Structure formats: C-alpha cells, structure tokens
Amino acid sequence: MARYALIIGIAEYAGSFRSLETPVQNANAIANLLDRHGHFDQVKRLPFRREAGQKDLGQVIRKPLTCLELTSEIQQFLHDADQSDVLIYYSGHGFTLTNPLSANVMAFWLPQTAR
C-alpha cells in the first residue's frame, strides 16, 4: 500500500500569537528523516519552497498560512492519498480542547486573515 506524509511547520503568525523559533527546523528534520528512512511514496511539506529545476518537494519555510490555505492543502493531500496510509505531522502553536465523549484532543491555531 502507498504511504504519504504531510509535514507542516508554522512559525509565523499574525495577531496575538507570537512567532516561533523551531517549527520550521523541526518539520524539515522530520521530513528529511522520513525521506531517508520512512519508506514513504511522498513526503509533502507546508509551507514550502521549491527551487527551479528541483525534483524533490522542497523545504518547509517561514511563511504564515491562513486557515483557509491549510484546510485546502490538507483536503487535497487526503484526496490525493485516498486508500493509502497517511501521516500528518504538525509543529506550531497548539492548545488542548476538552472532548466530552473522550479524552483531550489536541488542536492547532492558524490566523483567519484571508477568508
């Protein structure tokens, strides 16, 4: 079965959340590890930059993503990886929500700047 990974590192935020130092480095380290040893068919990065002529999927960069952009990217990733094993890794601001039906659920925050 095919295996796909989506690696997200969000370090830049607008509004009241401060920018972070390590999500981009963490995301790139995980993506590179999965590329070398994870036996994944594709390891996609967000947000990313690919240089002209570059064959791989680039590197995670310091760039803010809106909730709309991230939602669209995740939906497209899951659509493309239909019937495959998937891994989604996220590094950035997060908080815990209480779920009355089970244990705590980790959520992440993105600015709603571009609706």
PDB file of N, CA and C in Angstrom:
ATOM      1  N   MET A   1       0.832  -1.179   0.000  1.00  0.00           N
ATOM      2  CA  MET A   1       0.000   0.000   0.000  1.00  0.00           C
ATOM      3  C   MET A   1       0.878   1.244   0.000  1.00  0.00           C
ATOM      4  N   ALA A   2       0.447   2.261  -0.727  1.00  0.00           N
ATOM      5  CA  ALA A   2       1.192   3.520  -0.793  1.00  0.00           C
ATOM      6  C   ALA A   2       1.153   4.232   0.563  1.00  0.00           C
ATOM      7  N   ARG A   3       2.202   5.018   0.822  1.00  0.00           N
ATOM      8  CA  ARG A   3       2.294   5.769   2.076  1.00  0.00           C
ATOM      9  C   ARG A   3       2.620   7.220   1.756  1.00  0.00           C
ATOM     10  N   TYR A   4       1.866   8.130   2.347  1.00  0.00           N
ATOM     11  CA  TYR A   4       2.046   9.557   2.116  1.00  0.00           C
ATOM     12  C   TYR A   4       2.169  10.281   3.447  1.00  0.00           C
ATOM     13  N   ALA A   5       3.042  11.275   3.489  1.00  0.00           N
ATOM     14  CA  ALA A   5       3.213  12.094   4.691  1.00  0.00           C
ATOM     15  C   ALA A   5       3.039  13.562   4.340  1.00  0.00           C
ATOM     16  N   LEU A   6       2.384  14.288   5.220  1.00  0.00           N
ATOM     17  CA  LEU A   6       2.249  15.738   5.114  1.00  0.00           C
ATOM     18  C   LEU A   6       2.898  16.322   6.366  1.00  0.00           C
ATOM     19  N   ILE A   7       3.941  17.111   6.166  1.00  0.00           N
ATOM     20  CA  ILE A   7       4.718  17.677   7.263  1.00  0.00           C
ATOM     21  C   ILE A   7       4.495  19.182   7.274  1.00  0.00           C
ATOM     22  N   ILE A   8       3.967  19.709   8.382  1.00  0.00           N
ATOM     23  CA  ILE A   8       3.589  21.118   8.483  1.00  0.00           C
ATOM     24  C   ILE A   8       4.404  21.769   9.589  1.00  0.00           C
ATOM     25  N   GLY A   9       5.030  22.898   9.277  1.00  0.00           N
ATOM     26  CA  GLY A   9       5.776  23.670  10.265  1.00  0.00           C
ATOM     27  C   GLY A   9       5.407  25.134  10.151  1.00  0.00           C
ATOM     28  N   ILE A  10       4.637  25.638  11.088  1.00  0.00           N
ATOM     29  CA  ILE A  10       4.177  27.022  11.022  1.00  0.00           C
ATOM     30  C   ILE A  10       4.829  27.814  12.146  1.00  0.00           C
ATOM     31  N   ALA A  11       5.672  28.768  11.750  1.00  0.00           N
ATOM     32  CA  ALA A  11       6.424  29.565  12.712  1.00  0.00           C
ATOM     33  C   ALA A  11       5.975  31.022  12.735  1.00  0.00           C
ATOM     34  N   GLU A  12       5.355  31.498  11.665  1.00  0.00           N
ATOM     35  CA  GLU A  12       4.949  32.905  11.553  1.00  0.00           C
ATOM     36  C   GLU A  12       3.450  33.042  11.752  1.00  0.00           C
ATOM     37  N   TYR A  13       3.056  33.946  12.643  1.00  0.00           N
ATOM     38  CA  TYR A  13       1.658  34.171  12.968  1.00  0.00           C
ATOM     39  C   TYR A  13       1.352  35.656  12.957  1.00  0.00           C
ATOM     40  N   ALA A  14       0.153  35.996  12.518  1.00  0.00           N
ATOM     41  CA  ALA A  14      -0.336  37.364  12.617  1.00  0.00           C
ATOM     42  C   ALA A  14      -1.222  37.441  13.861  1.00  0.00           C
ATOM     43  N   GLY A  15      -1.392  38.623  14.396  1.00  0.00           N
ATOM     44  CA  GLY A  15      -2.288  38.775  15.539  1.00  0.00           C
ATOM     45  C   GLY A  15      -1.575  38.573  16.862  1.00  0.00           C
ATOM     46  N   SER A  16      -2.304  38.011  17.828  1.00  0.00           N
ATOM     47  CA  SER A  16      -1.795  37.951  19.198  1.00  0.00           C
ATOM     48  C   SER A  16      -0.826  36.805  19.467  1.00  0.00           C
ATOM     49  N   PHE A  17      -0.748  35.822  18.582  1.00  0.00           N
ATOM     50  CA  PHE A  17       0.209  34.739  18.786  1.00  0.00           C
ATOM     51  C   PHE A  17       1.588  35.178  18.308  1.00  0.00           C
ATOM     52  N   ARG A  18       2.593  34.923  19.125  1.00  0.00           N
ATOM     53  CA  ARG A  18       3.954  35.305  18.739  1.00  0.00           C
ATOM     54  C   ARG A  18       4.524  34.287  17.754  1.00  0.00           C
ATOM     55  N   SER A  19       5.468  34.743  16.956  1.00  0.00           N
ATOM     56  CA  SER A  19       6.158  33.840  16.047  1.00  0.00           C
ATOM     57  C   SER A  19       7.000  32.870  16.860  1.00  0.00           C
ATOM     58  N   LEU A  20       7.264  31.712  16.302  1.00  0.00           N
ATOM     59  CA  LEU A  20       8.014  30.665  16.986  1.00  0.00           C
ATOM     60  C   LEU A  20       9.361  30.448  16.310  1.00  0.00           C
ATOM     61  N   GLU A  21      10.309  29.918  17.044  1.00  0.00           N
ATOM     62  CA  GLU A  21      11.657  29.707  16.521  1.00  0.00           C
ATOM     63  C   GLU A  21      11.841  28.361  15.827  1.00  0.00           C
ATOM     64  N   THR A  22      11.262  27.281  16.348  1.00  0.00           N
ATOM     65  CA  THR A  22      11.672  25.947  15.917  1.00  0.00           C
ATOM     66  C   THR A  22      10.753  25.150  14.987  1.00  0.00           C
ATOM     67  N   PRO A  23       9.508  25.528  14.731  1.00  0.00           N
ATOM     68  CA  PRO A  23       8.665  24.652  13.897  1.00  0.00           C
ATOM     69  C   PRO A  23       9.230  24.340  12.512  1.00  0.00           C
ATOM     70  N   VAL A  24       9.847  25.295  11.868  1.00  0.00           N
ATOM     71  CA  VAL A  24      10.393  25.043  10.534  1.00  0.00           C
ATOM     72  C   VAL A  24      11.543  24.036  10.603  1.00  0.00           C
ATOM     73  N   GLN A  25      12.445  24.227  11.564  1.00  0.00           N
ATOM     74  CA  GLN A  25      13.557  23.283  11.719  1.00  0.00           C
ATOM     75  C   GLN A  25      13.046  21.893  12.091  1.00  0.00           C
ATOM     76  N   ASN A  26      12.073  21.828  12.999  1.00  0.00           N
ATOM     77  CA  ASN A  26      11.507  20.539  13.404  1.00  0.00           C
ATOM     78  C   ASN A  26      10.860  19.830  12.222  1.00  0.00           C
ATOM     79  N   ALA A  27      10.059  20.572  11.467  1.00  0.00           N
ATOM     80  CA  ALA A  27       9.358  19.978  10.318  1.00  0.00           C
ATOM     81  C   ALA A  27      10.357  19.488   9.271  1.00  0.00           C
ATOM     82  N   ASN A  28      11.378  20.277   8.979  1.00  0.00           N
ATOM     83  CA  ASN A  28      12.375  19.845   7.991  1.00  0.00           C
ATOM     84  C   ASN A  28      13.148  18.622   8.477  1.00  0.00           C
ATOM     85  N   ALA A  29      13.452  18.567   9.764  1.00  0.00           N
ATOM     86  CA  ALA A  29      14.169  17.406  10.306  1.00  0.00           C
ATOM     87  C   ALA A  29      13.318  16.138  10.173  1.00  0.00           C
ATOM     88  N   ILE A  30      12.027  16.229  10.518  1.00  0.00           N
ATOM     89  CA  ILE A  30      11.135  15.066  10.391  1.00  0.00           C
ATOM     90  C   ILE A  30      10.982  14.667   8.929  1.00  0.00           C
ATOM     91  N   ALA A  31      10.757  15.650   8.045  1.00  0.00           N
ATOM     92  CA  ALA A  31      10.584  15.356   6.620  1.00  0.00           C
ATOM     93  C   ALA A  31      11.826  14.683   6.047  1.00  0.00           C
ATOM     94  N   ASN A  32      12.999  15.181   6.392  1.00  0.00           N
ATOM     95  CA  ASN A  32      14.240  14.584   5.889  1.00  0.00           C
ATOM     96  C   ASN A  32      14.434  13.172   6.419  1.00  0.00           C
ATOM     97  N   LEU A  33      14.087  12.945   7.677  1.00  0.00           N
ATOM     98  CA  LEU A  33      14.170  11.611   8.263  1.00  0.00           C
ATOM     99  C   LEU A  33      13.226  10.644   7.541  1.00  0.00           C
ATOM    100  N   LEU A  34      11.997  11.086   7.301  1.00  0.00           N
ATOM    101  CA  LEU A  34      11.038  10.235   6.588  1.00  0.00           C
ATOM    102  C   LEU A  34      11.476   9.979   5.148  1.00  0.00           C
ATOM    103  N   ASP A  35      12.068  10.987   4.506  1.00  0.00           N
ATOM    104  CA  ASP A  35      12.589  10.792   3.143  1.00  0.00           C
ATOM    105  C   ASP A  35      13.645   9.697   3.114  1.00  0.00           C
ATOM    106  N   ARG A  36      14.530   9.715   4.103  1.00  0.00           N
ATOM    107  CA  ARG A  36      15.655   8.769   4.118  1.00  0.00           C
ATOM    108  C   ARG A  36      15.275   7.387   4.627  1.00  0.00           C
ATOM    109  N   HIS A  37      14.415   7.328   5.655  1.00  0.00           N
ATOM    110  CA  HIS A  37      14.202   6.064   6.350  1.00  0.00           C
ATOM    111  C   HIS A  37      12.742   5.650   6.496  1.00  0.00           C
ATOM    112  N   GLY A  38      11.799   6.448   6.029  1.00  0.00           N
ATOM    113  CA  GLY A  38      10.398   6.190   6.311  1.00  0.00           C
ATOM    114  C   GLY A  38       9.665   5.341   5.300  1.00  0.00           C
ATOM    115  N   HIS A  39      10.275   5.088   4.157  1.00  0.00           N
ATOM    116  CA  HIS A  39       9.633   4.287   3.109  1.00  0.00           C
ATOM    117  C   HIS A  39       8.292   4.878   2.695  1.00  0.00           C
ATOM    118  N   PHE A  40       8.249   6.215   2.560  1.00  0.00           N
ATOM    119  CA  PHE A  40       7.049   6.902   2.098  1.00  0.00           C
ATOM    120  C   PHE A  40       7.161   7.143   0.597  1.00  0.00           C
ATOM    121  N   ASP A  41       6.029   7.057  -0.091  1.00  0.00           N
ATOM    122  CA  ASP A  41       5.998   7.357  -1.521  1.00  0.00           C
ATOM    123  C   ASP A  41       6.131   8.856  -1.766  1.00  0.00           C
ATOM    124  N   GLN A  42       5.616   9.657  -0.833  1.00  0.00           N
ATOM    125  CA  GLN A  42       5.716  11.105  -0.937  1.00  0.00           C
ATOM    126  C   GLN A  42       5.729  11.707   0.459  1.00  0.00           C
ATOM    127  N   VAL A  43       6.627  12.677   0.658  1.00  0.00           N
ATOM    128  CA  VAL A  43       6.667  13.446   1.903  1.00  0.00           C
ATOM    129  C   VAL A  43       6.498  14.909   1.501  1.00  0.00           C
ATOM    130  N   LYS A  44       5.286  15.415   1.663  1.00  0.00           N
ATOM    131  CA  LYS A  44       4.959  16.783   1.273  1.00  0.00           C
ATOM    132  C   LYS A  44       5.194  17.721   2.446  1.00  0.00           C
ATOM    133  N   ARG A  45       5.693  18.917   2.157  1.00  0.00           N
ATOM    134  CA  ARG A  45       5.974  19.917   3.189  1.00  0.00           C
ATOM    135  C   ARG A  45       5.066  21.128   3.023  1.00  0.00           C
ATOM    136  N   LEU A  46       4.735  21.771   4.170  1.00  0.00           N
ATOM    137  CA  LEU A  46       3.963  23.021   4.164  1.00  0.00           C
ATOM    138  C   LEU A  46       4.465  23.944   5.249  1.00  0.00           C
ATOM    139  N   PRO A  47       4.477  25.244   5.028  1.00  0.00           N
ATOM    140  CA  PRO A  47       4.577  25.873   3.718  1.00  0.00           C
ATOM    141  C   PRO A  47       5.926  25.541   3.113  1.00  0.00           C
ATOM    142  N   PHE A  48       6.024  25.522   1.800  1.00  0.00           N
ATOM    143  CA  PHE A  48       7.267  25.073   1.192  1.00  0.00           C
ATOM    144  C   PHE A  48       7.718  25.992   0.069  1.00  0.00           C
ATOM    145  N   ARG A  49       8.983  25.833  -0.279  1.00  0.00           N
ATOM    146  CA  ARG A  49       9.561  26.500  -1.429  1.00  0.00           C
ATOM    147  C   ARG A  49      10.335  25.453  -2.212  1.00  0.00           C
ATOM    148  N   ARG A  50      10.117  25.452  -3.505  1.00  0.00           N
ATOM    149  CA  ARG A  50      10.864  24.562  -4.385  1.00  0.00           C
ATOM    150  C   ARG A  50      11.617  25.438  -5.369  1.00  0.00           C
ATOM    151  N   GLU A  51      12.908  25.207  -5.483  1.00  0.00           N
ATOM    152  CA  GLU A  51      13.728  25.960  -6.418  1.00  0.00           C
ATOM    153  C   GLU A  51      13.478  25.470  -7.838  1.00  0.00           C
ATOM    154  N   ALA A  52      13.691  26.322  -8.813  1.00  0.00           N
ATOM    155  CA  ALA A  52      13.518  25.956 -10.224  1.00  0.00           C
ATOM    156  C   ALA A  52      14.384  24.744 -10.551  1.00  0.00           C
ATOM    157  N   GLY A  53      13.801  23.755 -11.168  1.00  0.00           N
ATOM    158  CA  GLY A  53      14.525  22.545 -11.554  1.00  0.00           C
ATOM    159  C   GLY A  53      14.688  21.529 -10.445  1.00  0.00           C
ATOM    160  N   GLN A  54      14.261  21.857  -9.249  1.00  0.00           N
ATOM    161  CA  GLN A  54      14.395  20.943  -8.116  1.00  0.00           C
ATOM    162  C   GLN A  54      13.380  19.816  -8.266  1.00  0.00           C
ATOM    163  N   LYS A  55      13.840  18.577  -8.112  1.00  0.00           N
ATOM    164  CA  LYS A  55      12.965  17.426  -8.323  1.00  0.00           C
ATOM    165  C   LYS A  55      12.217  16.999  -7.066  1.00  0.00           C
ATOM    166  N   ASP A  56      12.771  17.278  -5.885  1.00  0.00           N
ATOM    167  CA  ASP A  56      12.085  16.853  -4.670  1.00  0.00           C
ATOM    168  C   ASP A  56      11.006  17.873  -4.298  1.00  0.00           C
ATOM    169  N   LEU A  57      10.421  17.736  -3.141  1.00  0.00           N
ATOM    170  CA  LEU A  57       9.293  18.574  -2.751  1.00  0.00           C
ATOM    171  C   LEU A  57       9.703  19.808  -1.951  1.00  0.00           C
ATOM    172  N   GLY A  58      10.977  20.196  -2.020  1.00  0.00           N
ATOM    173  CA  GLY A  58      11.418  21.424  -1.382  1.00  0.00           C
ATOM    174  C   GLY A  58      11.601  21.299   0.114  1.00  0.00           C
ATOM    175  N   GLN A  59      11.604  22.457   0.765  1.00  0.00           N
ATOM    176  CA  GLN A  59      11.797  22.533   2.209  1.00  0.00           C
ATOM    177  C   GLN A  59      10.695  23.385   2.822  1.00  0.00           C
ATOM    178  N   VAL A  60      10.374  23.104   4.089  1.00  0.00           N
ATOM    179  CA  VAL A  60       9.453  23.943   4.837  1.00  0.00           C
ATOM    180  C   VAL A  60      10.135  25.290   5.040  1.00  0.00           C
ATOM    181  N   ILE A  61       9.381  26.374   4.864  1.00  0.00           N
ATOM    182  CA  ILE A  61       9.939  27.715   5.026  1.00  0.00           C
ATOM    183  C   ILE A  61       9.122  28.506   6.040  1.00  0.00           C
ATOM    184  N   ARG A  62       9.699  29.626   6.505  1.00  0.00           N
ATOM    185  CA  ARG A  62       8.994  30.528   7.426  1.00  0.00           C
ATOM    186  C   ARG A  62       8.049  31.389   6.607  1.00  0.00           C
ATOM    187  N   LYS A  63       6.772  31.035   6.642  1.00  0.00           N
ATOM    188  CA  LYS A  63       5.752  31.779   5.918  1.00  0.00           C
ATOM    189  C   LYS A  63       4.421  31.492   6.604  1.00  0.00           C
ATOM    190  N   PRO A  64       3.636  32.534   6.893  1.00  0.00           N
ATOM    191  CA  PRO A  64       2.339  32.266   7.513  1.00  0.00           C
ATOM    192  C   PRO A  64       1.392  31.585   6.529  1.00  0.00           C
ATOM    193  N   LEU A  65       0.534  30.724   7.057  1.00  0.00           N
ATOM    194  CA  LEU A  65      -0.536  30.110   6.283  1.00  0.00           C
ATOM    195  C   LEU A  65      -1.852  30.500   6.941  1.00  0.00           C
ATOM    196  N   THR A  66      -2.841  30.809   6.146  1.00  0.00           N
ATOM    197  CA  THR A  66      -4.154  31.069   6.716  1.00  0.00           C
ATOM    198  C   THR A  66      -4.858  29.740   6.943  1.00  0.00           C
ATOM    199  N   CYS A  67      -5.904  29.786   7.740  1.00  0.00           N
ATOM    200  CA  CYS A  67      -6.697  28.593   7.989  1.00  0.00           C
ATOM    201  C   CYS A  67      -7.261  28.053   6.683  1.00  0.00           C
ATOM    202  N   LEU A  68      -7.719  28.934   5.809  1.00  0.00           N
ATOM    203  CA  LEU A  68      -8.271  28.526   4.519  1.00  0.00           C
ATOM    204  C   LEU A  68      -7.217  27.816   3.667  1.00  0.00           C
ATOM    205  N   GLU A  69      -6.002  28.364   3.625  1.00  0.00           N
ATOM    206  CA  GLU A  69      -4.925  27.735   2.851  1.00  0.00           C
ATOM    207  C   GLU A  69      -4.585  26.352   3.404  1.00  0.00           C
ATOM    208  N   LEU A  70      -4.436  26.263   4.723  1.00  0.00           N
ATOM    209  CA  LEU A  70      -4.078  24.980   5.321  1.00  0.00           C
ATOM    210  C   LEU A  70      -5.189  23.954   5.126  1.00  0.00           C
ATOM    211  N   THR A  71      -6.433  24.355   5.327  1.00  0.00           N
ATOM    212  CA  THR A  71      -7.557  23.445   5.142  1.00  0.00           C
ATOM    213  C   THR A  71      -7.589  22.911   3.717  1.00  0.00           C
ATOM    214  N   SER A  72      -7.392  23.785   2.761  1.00  0.00           N
ATOM    215  CA  SER A  72      -7.383  23.383   1.357  1.00  0.00           C
ATOM    216  C   SER A  72      -6.249  22.395   1.076  1.00  0.00           C
ATOM    217  N   GLU A  73      -5.072  22.668   1.604  1.00  0.00           N
ATOM    218  CA  GLU A  73      -3.912  21.788   1.400  1.00  0.00           C
ATOM    219  C   GLU A  73      -4.141  20.413   2.025  1.00  0.00           C
ATOM    220  N   ILE A  74      -4.703  20.385   3.230  1.00  0.00           N
ATOM    221  CA  ILE A  74      -4.956  19.099   3.895  1.00  0.00           C
ATOM    222  C   ILE A  74      -6.019  18.312   3.126  1.00  0.00           C
ATOM    223  N   GLN A  75      -7.082  18.987   2.697  1.00  0.00           N
ATOM    224  CA  GLN A  75      -8.118  18.296   1.914  1.00  0.00           C
ATOM    225  C   GLN A  75      -7.548  17.712   0.631  1.00  0.00           C
ATOM    226  N   GLN A  76      -6.718  18.491  -0.076  1.00  0.00           N
ATOM    227  CA  GLN A  76      -6.119  17.997  -1.319  1.00  0.00           C
ATOM    228  C   GLN A  76      -5.174  16.831  -1.038  1.00  0.00           C
ATOM    229  N   PHE A  77      -4.393  16.932   0.031  1.00  0.00           N
ATOM    230  CA  PHE A  77      -3.485  15.852   0.413  1.00  0.00           C
ATOM    231  C   PHE A  77      -4.258  14.565   0.678  1.00  0.00           C
ATOM    232  N   LEU A  78      -5.337  14.652   1.464  1.00  0.00           N
ATOM    233  CA  LEU A  78      -6.128  13.467   1.781  1.00  0.00           C
ATOM    234  C   LEU A  78      -6.835  12.917   0.544  1.00  0.00           C
ATOM    235  N   HIS A  79      -7.261  13.788  -0.341  1.00  0.00           N
ATOM    236  CA  HIS A  79      -7.874  13.334  -1.597  1.00  0.00           C
ATOM    237  C   HIS A  79      -6.852  12.588  -2.446  1.00  0.00           C
ATOM    238  N   ASP A  80      -5.651  13.159  -2.588  1.00  0.00           N
ATOM    239  CA  ASP A  80      -4.597  12.527  -3.402  1.00  0.00           C
ATOM    240  C   ASP A  80      -4.138  11.204  -2.808  1.00  0.00           C
ATOM    241  N   ALA A  81      -4.180  11.097  -1.488  1.00  0.00           N
ATOM    242  CA  ALA A  81      -3.697   9.893  -0.804  1.00  0.00           C
ATOM    243  C   ALA A  81      -4.823   8.901  -0.528  1.00  0.00           C
ATOM    244  N   ASP A  82      -5.953   9.041  -1.197  1.00  0.00           N
ATOM    245  CA  ASP A  82      -7.109   8.171  -0.995  1.00  0.00           C
ATOM    246  C   ASP A  82      -6.697   6.695  -1.026  1.00  0.00           C
ATOM    247  N   GLN A  83      -7.177   5.934  -0.061  1.00  0.00           N
ATOM    248  CA  GLN A  83      -6.906   4.491   0.048  1.00  0.00           C
ATOM    249  C   GLN A  83      -5.435   4.188   0.346  1.00  0.00           C
ATOM    250  N   SER A  84      -4.715   5.157   0.886  1.00  0.00           N
ATOM    251  CA  SER A  84      -3.312   4.966   1.242  1.00  0.00           C
ATOM    252  C   SER A  84      -3.122   5.207   2.731  1.00  0.00           C
ATOM    253  N   ASP A  85      -1.989   4.766   3.250  1.00  0.00           N
ATOM    254  CA  ASP A  85      -1.617   5.099   4.618  1.00  0.00           C
ATOM    255  C   ASP A  85      -1.112   6.533   4.633  1.00  0.00           C
ATOM    256  N   VAL A  86      -1.540   7.322   5.616  1.00  0.00           N
ATOM    257  CA  VAL A  86      -1.108   8.710   5.698  1.00  0.00           C
ATOM    258  C   VAL A  86      -0.577   9.036   7.088  1.00  0.00           C
ATOM    259  N   LEU A  87       0.347   9.992   7.109  1.00  0.00           N
ATOM    260  CA  LEU A  87       0.892  10.551   8.341  1.00  0.00           C
ATOM    261  C   LEU A  87       0.838  12.060   8.193  1.00  0.00           C
ATOM    262  N   ILE A  88       0.279  12.752   9.188  1.00  0.00           N
ATOM    263  CA  ILE A  88       0.310  14.210   9.204  1.00  0.00           C
ATOM    264  C   ILE A  88       1.033  14.626  10.478  1.00  0.00           C
ATOM    265  N   TYR A  89       2.110  15.410  10.296  1.00  0.00           N
ATOM    266  CA  TYR A  89       2.901  15.936  11.407  1.00  0.00           C
ATOM    267  C   TYR A  89       2.720  17.440  11.424  1.00  0.00           C
ATOM    268  N   TYR A  90       2.482  18.009  12.614  1.00  0.00           N
ATOM    269  CA  TYR A  90       2.290  19.455  12.753  1.00  0.00           C
ATOM    270  C   TYR A  90       3.189  19.990  13.847  1.00  0.00           C
ATOM    271  N   SER A  91       3.889  21.084  13.538  1.00  0.00           N
ATOM    272  CA  SER A  91       4.673  21.799  14.529  1.00  0.00           C
ATOM    273  C   SER A  91       4.269  23.265  14.452  1.00  0.00           C
ATOM    274  N   GLY A  92       3.801  23.812  15.563  1.00  0.00           N
ATOM    275  CA  GLY A  92       3.336  25.202  15.617  1.00  0.00           C
ATOM    276  C   GLY A  92       2.555  25.409  16.902  1.00  0.00           C
ATOM    277  N   HIS A  93       1.872  26.550  16.994  1.00  0.00           N
ATOM    278  CA  HIS A  93       1.053  26.806  18.175  1.00  0.00           C
ATOM    279  C   HIS A  93      -0.065  25.779  18.268  1.00  0.00           C
ATOM    280  N   GLY A  94      -0.384  25.360  19.470  1.00  0.00           N
ATOM    281  CA  GLY A  94      -1.474  24.415  19.690  1.00  0.00           C
ATOM    282  C   GLY A  94      -2.099  24.641  21.049  1.00  0.00           C
ATOM    283  N   PHE A  95      -3.214  24.014  21.268  1.00  0.00           N
ATOM    284  CA  PHE A  95      -3.888  24.077  22.558  1.00  0.00           C
ATOM    285  C   PHE A  95      -4.714  22.816  22.710  1.00  0.00           C
ATOM    286  N   THR A  96      -5.164  22.547  23.917  1.00  0.00           N
ATOM    287  CA  THR A  96      -5.931  21.341  24.189  1.00  0.00           C
ATOM    288  C   THR A  96      -7.411  21.685  24.334  1.00  0.00           C
ATOM    289  N   LEU A  97      -8.242  20.936  23.642  1.00  0.00           N
ATOM    290  CA  LEU A  97      -9.694  21.057  23.762  1.00  0.00           C
ATOM    291  C   LEU A  97     -10.198  19.883  24.594  1.00  0.00           C
ATOM    292  N   THR A  98     -11.213  20.109  25.388  1.00  0.00           N
ATOM    293  CA  THR A  98     -11.824  19.019  26.128  1.00  0.00           C
ATOM    294  C   THR A  98     -12.960  18.449  25.307  1.00  0.00           C
ATOM    295  N   ASN A  99     -12.907  17.156  25.070  1.00  0.00           N
ATOM    296  CA  ASN A  99     -13.932  16.460  24.301  1.00  0.00           C
ATOM    297  C   ASN A  99     -14.806  15.708  25.304  1.00  0.00           C
ATOM    298  N   PRO A 100     -16.090  16.037  25.404  1.00  0.00           N
ATOM    299  CA  PRO A 100     -16.933  15.387  26.419  1.00  0.00           C
ATOM    300  C   PRO A 100     -17.116  13.882  26.176  1.00  0.00           C
ATOM    301  N   LEU A 101     -16.846  13.391  24.976  1.00  0.00           N
ATOM    302  CA  LEU A 101     -17.035  11.975  24.673  1.00  0.00           C
ATOM    303  C   LEU A 101     -15.795  11.124  24.922  1.00  0.00           C
ATOM    304  N   SER A 102     -14.649  11.769  25.059  1.00  0.00           N
ATOM    305  CA  SER A 102     -13.415  11.001  25.260  1.00  0.00           C
ATOM    306  C   SER A 102     -12.374  11.877  25.939  1.00  0.00           C
ATOM    307  N   ALA A 103     -11.129  11.584  25.702  1.00  0.00           N
ATOM    308  CA  ALA A 103     -10.030  12.317  26.332  1.00  0.00           C
ATOM    309  C   ALA A 103      -9.829  13.676  25.657  1.00  0.00           C
ATOM    310  N   ASN A 104      -8.810  14.382  26.078  1.00  0.00           N
ATOM    311  CA  ASN A 104      -8.477  15.666  25.477  1.00  0.00           C
ATOM    312  C   ASN A 104      -8.039  15.477  24.025  1.00  0.00           C
ATOM    313  N   VAL A 105      -8.310  16.486  23.235  1.00  0.00           N
ATOM    314  CA  VAL A 105      -7.956  16.467  21.817  1.00  0.00           C
ATOM    315  C   VAL A 105      -7.036  17.644  21.553  1.00  0.00           C
ATOM    316  N   MET A 106      -5.923  17.403  20.877  1.00  0.00           N
ATOM    317  CA  MET A 106      -5.010  18.484  20.543  1.00  0.00           C
ATOM    318  C   MET A 106      -5.525  19.200  19.302  1.00  0.00           C
ATOM    319  N   ALA A 107      -5.512  20.503  19.328  1.00  0.00           N
ATOM    320  CA  ALA A 107      -5.930  21.310  18.189  1.00  0.00           C
ATOM    321  C   ALA A 107      -4.811  22.279  17.860  1.00  0.00           C
ATOM    322  N   PHE A 108      -4.850  22.854  16.688  1.00  0.00           N
ATOM    323  CA  PHE A 108      -3.854  23.844  16.331  1.00  0.00           C
ATOM    324  C   PHE A 108      -4.544  25.125  15.925  1.00  0.00           C
ATOM    325  N   TRP A 109      -3.808  26.216  15.997  1.00  0.00           N
ATOM    326  CA  TRP A 109      -4.365  27.522  15.710  1.00  0.00           C
ATOM    327  C   TRP A 109      -3.681  28.119  14.512  1.00  0.00           C
ATOM    328  N   LEU A 110      -4.478  28.696  13.619  1.00  0.00           N
ATOM    329  CA  LEU A 110      -3.975  29.454  12.476  1.00  0.00           C
ATOM    330  C   LEU A 110      -4.743  30.750  12.379  1.00  0.00           C
ATOM    331  N   PRO A 111      -4.102  31.802  11.890  1.00  0.00           N
ATOM    332  CA  PRO A 111      -4.828  33.060  11.749  1.00  0.00           C
ATOM    333  C   PRO A 111      -5.900  32.955  10.679  1.00  0.00           C
ATOM    334  N   GLN A 112      -6.956  33.686  10.867  1.00  0.00           N
ATOM    335  CA  GLN A 112      -8.067  33.691   9.908  1.00  0.00           C
ATOM    336  C   GLN A 112      -7.949  34.932   9.015  1.00  0.00           C
ATOM    337  N   THR A 113      -6.753  35.294   8.600  1.00  0.00           N
ATOM    338  CA  THR A 113      -6.541  36.584   7.938  1.00  0.00           C
ATOM    339  C   THR A 113      -7.021  36.636   6.500  1.00  0.00           C
ATOM    340  N   ALA A 114      -7.143  35.538   5.798  1.00  0.00           N
ATOM    341  CA  ALA A 114      -7.532  35.600   4.389  1.00  0.00           C
ATOM    342  C   ALA A 114      -8.738  34.704   4.137  1.00  0.00           C
ATOM    343  N   ARG A 115      -9.881  35.211   4.416  1.00  0.00           N
ATOM    344  CA  ARG A 115     -11.109  34.426   4.208  1.00  0.00           C
ATOM    345  C   ARG A 115     -11.669  34.697   2.849  1.00  0.00           C
TER     346      ARG A 115
END
